[in-house]
Each structure stands twice: as C-alpha cells, then as structure tokens.
Protein backbone atom coordinates (compact mmCIF):
# COMPACT_ATOMS: atom_id res chain seq x y z
CA MET A 1 92.16 105.75 88.85
CA ALA A 2 91.32 105.86 92.42
CA LYS A 3 91.68 108.21 95.02
CA VAL A 4 94.04 107.00 98.30
CA ILE A 5 95.53 108.12 101.44
CA THR A 6 98.01 106.90 103.80
CA MET A 7 99.36 108.11 106.92
CA GLY A 8 102.06 107.63 108.94
CA GLU A 9 105.56 107.92 109.69
CA ILE A 10 108.49 107.92 107.20
CA MET A 11 112.58 107.45 108.13
CA LEU A 12 115.61 107.09 107.49
CA ARG A 13 116.44 103.91 107.23
CA LEU A 14 120.89 103.40 107.72
CA SER A 15 121.27 99.71 107.02
CA THR A 16 124.74 97.64 107.21
CA PRO A 17 126.13 96.79 103.53
CA GLY A 18 125.40 93.55 102.31
CA TYR A 19 125.23 90.98 105.30
CA GLN A 20 127.53 93.19 107.93
CA ARG A 21 127.03 93.39 111.39
CA PHE A 22 126.89 96.59 113.32
CA ILE A 23 130.26 95.91 114.89
CA GLN A 24 131.84 95.09 111.58
CA SER A 25 130.30 98.01 109.64
CA ASP A 26 132.11 101.76 109.04
CA SER A 27 129.38 103.36 107.03
CA PHE A 28 125.68 102.82 106.10
CA ASP A 29 123.63 102.99 103.12
CA VAL A 30 121.04 105.18 103.48
CA CYS A 31 116.94 105.24 101.94
CA TYR A 32 113.50 106.21 103.27
CA GLY A 33 110.87 104.36 104.48
CA GLY A 34 107.69 103.29 106.56
CA GLY A 35 104.75 101.52 106.55
CA GLU A 36 102.30 103.56 105.49
CA ALA A 37 104.83 105.58 103.28
CA ASN A 38 105.69 102.19 101.12
CA VAL A 39 101.87 101.37 100.75
CA ALA A 40 101.77 104.94 99.14
CA VAL A 41 104.80 104.17 96.66
CA SER A 42 103.49 101.19 95.59
CA LEU A 43 99.78 101.92 94.55
CA ALA A 44 101.47 105.20 92.87
CA ASN A 45 103.74 102.76 90.70
CA TYR A 46 100.18 100.69 90.08
CA GLY A 47 99.02 104.17 88.63
CA HIS A 48 96.81 105.15 91.40
CA ASP A 49 96.64 108.79 92.80
CA ALA A 50 98.28 108.15 96.23
CA TYR A 51 98.75 110.68 98.88
CA PHE A 52 100.69 110.69 102.08
CA VAL A 53 100.11 112.43 105.10
CA SER A 54 102.73 112.89 107.44
CA LYS A 55 104.76 115.48 109.33
CA VAL A 56 108.72 115.60 108.59
CA PRO A 57 110.85 118.33 109.79
CA LYS A 58 111.46 122.04 108.28
CA ASN A 59 115.55 121.08 106.66
CA PRO A 60 117.19 119.39 104.17
CA ILE A 61 116.48 115.89 106.08
CA GLY A 62 112.86 116.24 105.70
CA ASP A 63 113.02 117.79 102.49
CA SER A 64 115.26 114.79 101.16
CA ALA A 65 112.56 112.06 103.13
CA VAL A 66 109.70 113.94 100.59
CA ALA A 67 111.62 114.04 97.50
CA ALA A 68 112.34 110.11 97.59
CA LEU A 69 108.48 110.01 97.66
CA ARG A 70 107.77 112.29 94.64
CA LYS A 71 110.32 110.13 93.32
CA PHE A 72 107.84 107.32 92.47
CA ASN A 73 104.86 109.99 91.79
CA VAL A 74 103.74 110.10 95.26
CA ASN A 75 101.11 113.27 96.19
CA CYS A 76 103.28 115.17 99.03
CA LYS A 77 100.81 118.07 99.36
CA TYR A 78 99.54 116.78 102.58
CA ILE A 79 103.12 116.70 104.50
CA ALA A 80 103.14 119.13 107.36
CA LYS A 81 106.45 120.75 107.93
CA GLY A 82 107.49 121.52 111.73
CA GLY A 83 109.30 119.83 114.46
CA ASP A 84 112.66 118.25 115.64
CA ARG A 85 113.62 115.56 113.52
CA LEU A 86 112.70 113.22 111.17
CA GLY A 87 112.94 109.53 112.53
CA ILE A 88 115.60 106.55 112.19
CA TYR A 89 115.89 102.89 111.87
CA PHE A 90 119.03 101.22 111.90
CA LEU A 91 118.96 97.94 109.87
CA GLU A 92 120.89 94.82 109.83
CA THR A 93 120.25 92.37 107.47
CA GLY A 94 120.59 88.43 108.33
CA ALA A 95 121.30 85.69 106.59
CA SER A 96 120.51 81.72 107.15
CA MET A 97 119.58 81.52 110.51
CA ARG A 98 121.10 84.90 111.51
CA ALA A 99 117.82 86.61 111.85
CA SER A 100 117.64 90.65 110.64
CA ASN A 101 118.08 93.26 113.55
CA VAL A 102 116.14 96.56 113.32
CA VAL A 103 117.14 99.42 116.27
CA TYR A 104 114.69 102.79 116.16
CA ASP A 105 115.82 105.98 116.56
CA ARG A 106 112.09 108.39 116.46
CA ALA A 107 111.11 109.31 119.46
CA ALA A 108 110.47 112.68 119.86
CA SER A 109 110.01 112.85 115.93
CA SER A 110 107.79 115.58 113.34
CA ILE A 111 105.25 113.26 113.15
CA ALA A 112 105.43 111.19 116.67
CA GLU A 113 104.78 115.25 118.15
CA ALA A 114 102.25 116.28 115.41
CA ASP A 115 99.07 118.08 116.63
CA VAL A 116 95.51 117.38 114.80
CA SER A 117 95.74 120.87 114.08
CA ASP A 118 98.78 120.64 111.45
CA PHE A 119 96.32 118.70 109.11
CA ASP A 120 92.67 120.01 107.75
CA PHE A 121 91.41 116.07 107.79
CA ASP A 122 88.30 117.36 105.79
CA SER A 123 90.09 118.46 103.15
CA ILE A 124 92.04 115.87 102.75
CA PHE A 125 89.93 113.07 102.50
CA GLU A 126 88.14 115.24 99.74
CA GLY A 127 87.19 112.69 96.76
CA ALA A 128 88.94 109.93 98.26
CA ASP A 129 88.41 106.23 97.68
CA TRP A 130 90.68 104.50 100.39
CA PHE A 131 92.70 105.24 103.46
CA HIS A 132 95.36 103.05 105.15
CA PHE A 133 97.17 103.25 108.26
CA THR A 134 99.13 101.09 109.91
CA GLY A 135 99.33 99.92 114.25
CA ILE A 136 103.02 101.43 113.87
CA THR A 137 101.31 104.93 114.01
CA PRO A 138 99.13 104.93 117.00
CA ALA A 139 102.48 103.25 118.44
CA ILE A 140 105.24 105.66 117.99
CA SER A 141 103.34 108.38 120.40
CA ASP A 142 99.73 108.99 122.93
CA LYS A 143 99.63 112.08 120.60
CA ALA A 144 100.11 110.18 117.14
CA ALA A 145 97.61 107.51 118.27
CA ILE A 146 94.76 110.43 118.62
CA LEU A 147 95.83 112.01 115.44
CA THR A 148 95.33 108.60 113.68
CA GLU A 149 91.82 108.57 115.60
CA GLU A 150 90.63 111.74 114.30
CA ALA A 151 91.75 110.74 110.81
CA LEU A 152 89.62 107.57 110.99
CA LYS A 153 86.68 109.49 112.27
CA ALA A 154 87.16 112.49 109.34
CA ALA A 155 87.36 108.95 106.76
CA LYS A 156 84.54 107.46 107.98
CA ARG A 157 82.50 110.77 107.74
CA LYS A 158 83.30 110.58 104.29
CA ASN A 159 82.56 107.17 103.97
CA ILE A 160 86.01 106.29 102.72
CA THR A 161 86.78 102.60 103.12
CA VAL A 162 89.64 101.90 105.64
CA SER A 163 91.99 99.61 105.51
CA VAL A 164 94.76 98.92 108.43
CA ASP A 165 97.85 96.51 108.41
CA LEU A 166 98.36 95.60 112.51
CA ASN A 167 102.05 95.35 112.34
CA TYR A 168 102.54 94.90 115.69
CA ARG A 169 106.08 96.44 116.95
CA LYS A 170 107.21 95.26 120.81
CA LYS A 171 110.06 98.21 120.81
CA LEU A 172 107.32 100.49 120.15
CA TRP A 173 104.43 99.28 122.92
CA THR A 174 103.39 96.30 125.21
CA THR A 175 100.91 93.87 123.87
CA GLU A 176 98.28 95.44 126.63
CA LYS A 177 98.86 99.13 125.22
CA ALA A 178 98.20 97.88 122.00
CA GLN A 179 95.45 95.72 122.81
CA ARG A 180 93.59 98.70 124.61
CA ILE A 181 94.45 101.58 121.58
CA MET A 182 93.68 99.04 118.68
CA THR A 183 90.71 97.30 119.98
CA ASN A 184 88.94 100.96 119.77
CA LEU A 185 90.60 102.00 116.24
CA MET A 186 88.76 98.76 114.49
CA GLN A 187 85.33 100.91 115.16
CA TYR A 188 86.53 102.46 112.20
CA VAL A 189 87.96 99.58 109.83
CA ASP A 190 86.69 97.82 106.69
CA VAL A 191 89.68 95.43 106.35
CA CYS A 192 92.12 94.44 108.39
CA ILE A 193 95.18 92.54 107.40
CA GLY A 194 97.81 91.40 109.71
CA ASN A 195 99.67 88.23 110.47
CA GLU A 196 99.57 84.82 113.15
CA GLU A 197 101.63 87.55 115.69
CA ASP A 198 99.82 90.93 114.99
CA ALA A 199 96.18 89.24 115.12
CA GLU A 200 97.32 87.48 118.71
CA LYS A 201 99.50 90.52 120.46
CA VAL A 202 97.36 93.36 118.70
CA LEU A 203 93.40 92.15 118.99
CA GLY A 204 94.25 88.72 121.63
CA PHE A 205 93.42 86.09 118.67
CA LYS A 206 95.37 83.51 118.28
CA PRO A 207 95.39 80.97 114.91
CA GLY A 208 95.30 77.45 116.52
CA LYS A 209 98.90 76.08 116.56
CA THR A 210 100.51 77.82 114.11
CA ASP A 211 104.04 78.17 114.57
CA VAL A 212 105.91 80.31 111.79
CA THR A 213 109.62 79.76 113.53
CA SER A 214 109.06 75.77 112.92
CA GLY A 215 106.88 76.66 109.37
CA GLU A 216 103.68 74.71 110.86
CA LEU A 217 100.44 76.92 109.46
CA GLU A 218 96.77 75.51 110.51
CA LEU A 219 94.42 76.83 108.26
CA ALA A 220 91.97 75.87 110.43
CA GLY A 221 92.98 78.14 113.29
CA TYR A 222 92.81 81.64 110.91
CA LYS A 223 89.69 80.59 109.40
CA ASP A 224 88.23 80.53 113.39
CA ILE A 225 89.95 83.62 114.17
CA PHE A 226 89.01 85.28 111.13
CA GLU A 227 85.50 84.63 111.93
CA GLN A 228 85.62 85.72 115.58
CA MET A 229 86.96 88.51 114.09
CA VAL A 230 83.75 89.20 111.57
CA LYS A 231 81.92 88.76 114.27
CA LYS A 232 83.68 91.09 116.78
CA PHE A 233 84.58 94.26 114.40
CA ASN A 234 82.12 93.70 111.84
CA PHE A 235 85.02 93.56 109.04
CA LYS A 236 84.35 93.40 105.03
CA TYR A 237 87.46 91.32 104.74
CA VAL A 238 89.84 89.85 107.06
CA VAL A 239 93.27 88.85 105.74
CA SER A 240 96.90 87.57 107.12
CA SER A 241 100.19 87.05 105.54
CA LEU A 242 101.31 83.69 105.92
CA ARG A 243 104.91 83.40 106.18
CA GLU A 244 106.86 80.24 106.74
CA SER A 245 109.63 80.95 108.00
CA TYR A 246 112.82 78.29 107.11
CA SER A 247 115.41 80.59 107.58
CA ALA A 248 116.26 84.21 107.47
CA SER A 249 117.37 83.92 103.96
CA ASP A 250 114.54 81.18 102.99
CA ASN A 251 110.80 81.86 103.48
CA GLY A 252 107.72 80.28 102.06
CA TRP A 253 105.23 83.09 101.60
CA SER A 254 101.30 83.00 101.06
CA ALA A 255 98.28 84.62 102.39
CA CYS A 256 94.56 84.06 103.35
CA ILE A 257 91.18 86.27 103.04
CA TYR A 258 87.55 85.64 104.84
CA ASP A 259 84.85 87.94 103.33
CA GLY A 260 82.57 86.48 105.75
CA LYS A 261 81.61 83.68 104.22
CA GLU A 262 84.33 82.52 102.11
CA PHE A 263 87.84 81.54 103.49
CA TYR A 264 90.38 81.24 100.43
CA GLN A 265 94.46 80.53 100.62
CA SER A 266 96.74 82.17 98.00
CA LYS A 267 99.21 80.06 96.08
CA LYS A 268 102.14 79.87 98.04
CA TYR A 269 105.83 81.59 96.73
CA ASP A 270 108.98 79.84 98.00
CA ILE A 271 111.51 83.31 97.92
CA ARG A 272 115.17 83.76 98.54
CA ILE A 273 115.37 86.83 100.63
CA VAL A 274 117.47 89.70 98.99
CA ASP A 275 115.27 92.31 101.74
CA ARG A 276 112.40 91.58 103.76
CA VAL A 277 111.75 94.73 105.37
CA GLY A 278 108.63 96.46 103.24
CA GLY A 279 107.41 92.75 102.44
CA GLY A 280 104.11 93.17 104.46
CA ASP A 281 103.72 96.90 103.10
CA SER A 282 103.49 95.62 99.45
CA PHE A 283 101.55 92.81 99.84
CA ALA A 284 99.17 95.67 101.15
CA ALA A 285 99.39 97.31 99.10
CA GLY A 286 98.77 94.85 96.44
CA LEU A 287 95.90 93.74 98.00
CA ILE A 288 94.36 97.08 97.89
CA CYS A 289 95.39 97.53 94.27
CA GLY A 290 93.03 94.47 93.23
CA LEU A 291 90.18 95.71 95.17
CA LEU A 292 89.96 99.05 94.07
CA ASP A 293 90.16 97.89 90.59
CA GLY A 294 87.25 95.52 91.55
CA LYS A 295 89.20 92.24 91.03
CA PRO A 296 87.20 89.14 92.77
CA MET A 297 88.46 89.02 96.45
CA ARG A 298 90.76 85.60 95.29
CA ASP A 299 92.43 87.65 92.54
CA ALA A 300 93.09 90.78 94.39
CA LEU A 301 94.51 88.34 96.94
CA GLU A 302 96.83 86.17 94.11
CA TYR A 303 97.83 90.42 93.37
CA GLY A 304 98.85 91.80 96.26
CA VAL A 305 101.14 87.53 97.23
CA ALA A 306 102.53 88.07 93.70
CA ALA A 307 103.63 91.71 94.35
CA SER A 308 105.07 91.29 97.64
CA ALA A 309 106.72 88.11 96.69
CA LEU A 310 108.80 90.06 94.13
CA LYS A 311 109.16 93.18 97.24
CA HIS A 312 111.50 90.26 98.97
CA THR A 313 114.58 90.82 95.52
CA ILE A 314 114.90 94.35 95.81
CA PRO A 315 116.76 96.17 98.42
CA GLY A 316 115.70 99.45 99.86
CA ASP A 317 112.13 99.63 102.28
CA PHE A 318 109.66 100.40 98.76
CA ASN A 319 108.48 98.01 96.05
CA MET A 320 109.62 99.11 92.64
CA VAL A 321 107.95 97.06 90.48
CA SER A 322 105.39 97.20 87.89
CA ARG A 323 101.77 95.97 87.06
CA ALA A 324 102.93 94.14 84.13
CA GLU A 325 105.47 92.70 86.47
CA VAL A 326 103.48 91.41 88.70
CA ASP A 327 100.58 90.58 86.57
CA ALA A 328 103.36 88.36 84.62
CA LEU A 329 104.17 86.18 88.17
CA VAL A 330 100.57 86.33 88.53
CA GLY A 331 100.04 84.14 85.33
CA GLY A 332 102.74 81.78 86.26
CA ASP A 333 106.08 83.29 84.92
CA ALA A 334 108.31 82.96 87.83
CA SER A 335 111.58 81.82 85.79
CA GLY A 336 113.27 84.88 86.41
CA ARG A 337 114.37 84.55 82.98
CA VAL A 338 116.87 87.38 81.79
CA GLN A 339 114.85 90.05 80.08
CA ARG A 340 116.82 91.47 76.80
C-alpha cells in the first residue's frame, strides 16, 4: 500500500444533539475532525499507510485529538506538540429548508501559529507516494500559508504526487486573498479537486449557468473551465463534486473529472443526509485511493463518489466505511438492507 501524507488542522467539534439549534442546546456532542485529518482516516481505513502532519497543544485535549486519529490507524509520528490551544468548531445541523451552521473558534491555534522549523519535511516526505492538502490550511493564518508552501516545495523535490481540495471558507479569508495565495500554490499541484464555489472563489473560474441552490448543473460549463484550468496550471486531473441541494436533508451527489483529453461524469446518488460534514473529504480520499490502486480515471471517480455518498449517512467528520462497503455500492447495491 502507498504512503500518503496529509497536513492541516485537526479540531475539536462541538455539535448540538440531534437537530437542535445552538440556543436550545444545554450540551454538545464531542468528536474531532478537519479536512486533511478526515482524508487520512479514510485512507488508513482503506489500508494505505496514512500520515497526518500537524501541531497540537501539549495537553490532554491535544492528546485526545491525536488518540482519535490513532484509533483509526493514522500514523501520528509527525504531529508536533506545542502552542496554546486546539481549534474548535461548533456545528448546528440543519434539516429540510434550514441550513446547517458552523461557528469557528480557531484563531491562534497551535497549527495556525506553527513555524516551518517545527517540521523536518525532507524526512516526512521520504518514501511518500502522495501529499494531500486543502485550501483551509493556508487560510487559517499567514504562517500556515507559508508552512503549506514549504511542505509543497519539499514534496515536489521528491517528485511526489500532490492533490489539493480547494475548500473555500468565507469565514476564514476573502476571495481576493484566497485567489492570491492559492493561485501561487497551484504550481505544485497535480490533482485539483473542488466544487463550483471553490473554482470561482479560489481560482476565478465560474462553471457556466450552474446554480447549486436550484439544483441546476450545466456540465458544459464544467468542461470549459476544466480545460482552462489544465491549460493554466498543467494539472493532470481536475475534479469537481456535483452537489444538487434539494434541501439540507436531501441532496443529489455525483462528480466529474477531466484529464486533459476525456471528460467524465459519474453516477448520481440521491442521499438522505445524516451528516454532510466531511463529505468532500471522503470524496477526495476515495478518489485518491482509486488512483493509488491503479484504477482507470472513471473507476477512481466512481469509487470516490460512492465512498462520499456513504459518508453522508454517518455522524461525525470521519468516514468510517470499509473497502467492501464502498465496493458493494459501486457494484450497485444501494438497498440498505440489514446485514445479518
């Protein structure tokens, strides 16, 4: 199996029980998560040698975050200890026409304040096959943006395949700053993953008349911007998830991919959502797993979409599904019948 490195922030997630609003709740459900950490958990579950690079405080909360990753066989040897705090996010899960809501409390977290000297990237990337990061990491602080580029430079010195999930977060930075920083980082990227908002807000490409809120997708627009992105950044693959948001509870879910020659759209799943947080991360991980396994582009995309469809049915950030479950869904078994 492949050695995969992911780098980013793991956070404490505090979510209201059930579908309660913040003002209703007297308690929170606790778990841990974060974009790149979620990807590492999925890849470890699929049997790959997944490493997570980060920095957490040297206290019981930091230890608990690391333990949450180790529980799922993620290698944590490159997690630095220090700084003042672990980032937190609060989640109010939406339903029907009421959207979910996230409130961040992550300023000055350990990874946001980390220095390049906290990590020996040449050692970290020794023998690695793949490096994955998201647009969230350079968004959390200027120091984290510098750290991200240094990691990317080290990965490319060793000819490691690099993927990015653009993941625009308007609560973390402006469109202008995102485009300035992320456009520069694209020179190191081989596989670019995102959605229609990410492509527009992070890199300035808008896919035709697509309106995710009305459930309208114009695939010709995606193909057009994919061609432009490959031409500008020389990506090996450009990939977009396709979310048709009928409501907070029901979504259509598919994806498309372009390799500079062929454009392909996956099968679509209609999902009744339990928890959509981490859905994009589970898609990225499934796609990466498929490509690392040597699957053809189309099959790798279908694997990612199926893995992510399953994640939408699981509470928490992590996608706790096996290869066998993903394979069964890819093979057409979406019955949901009880397994006895």
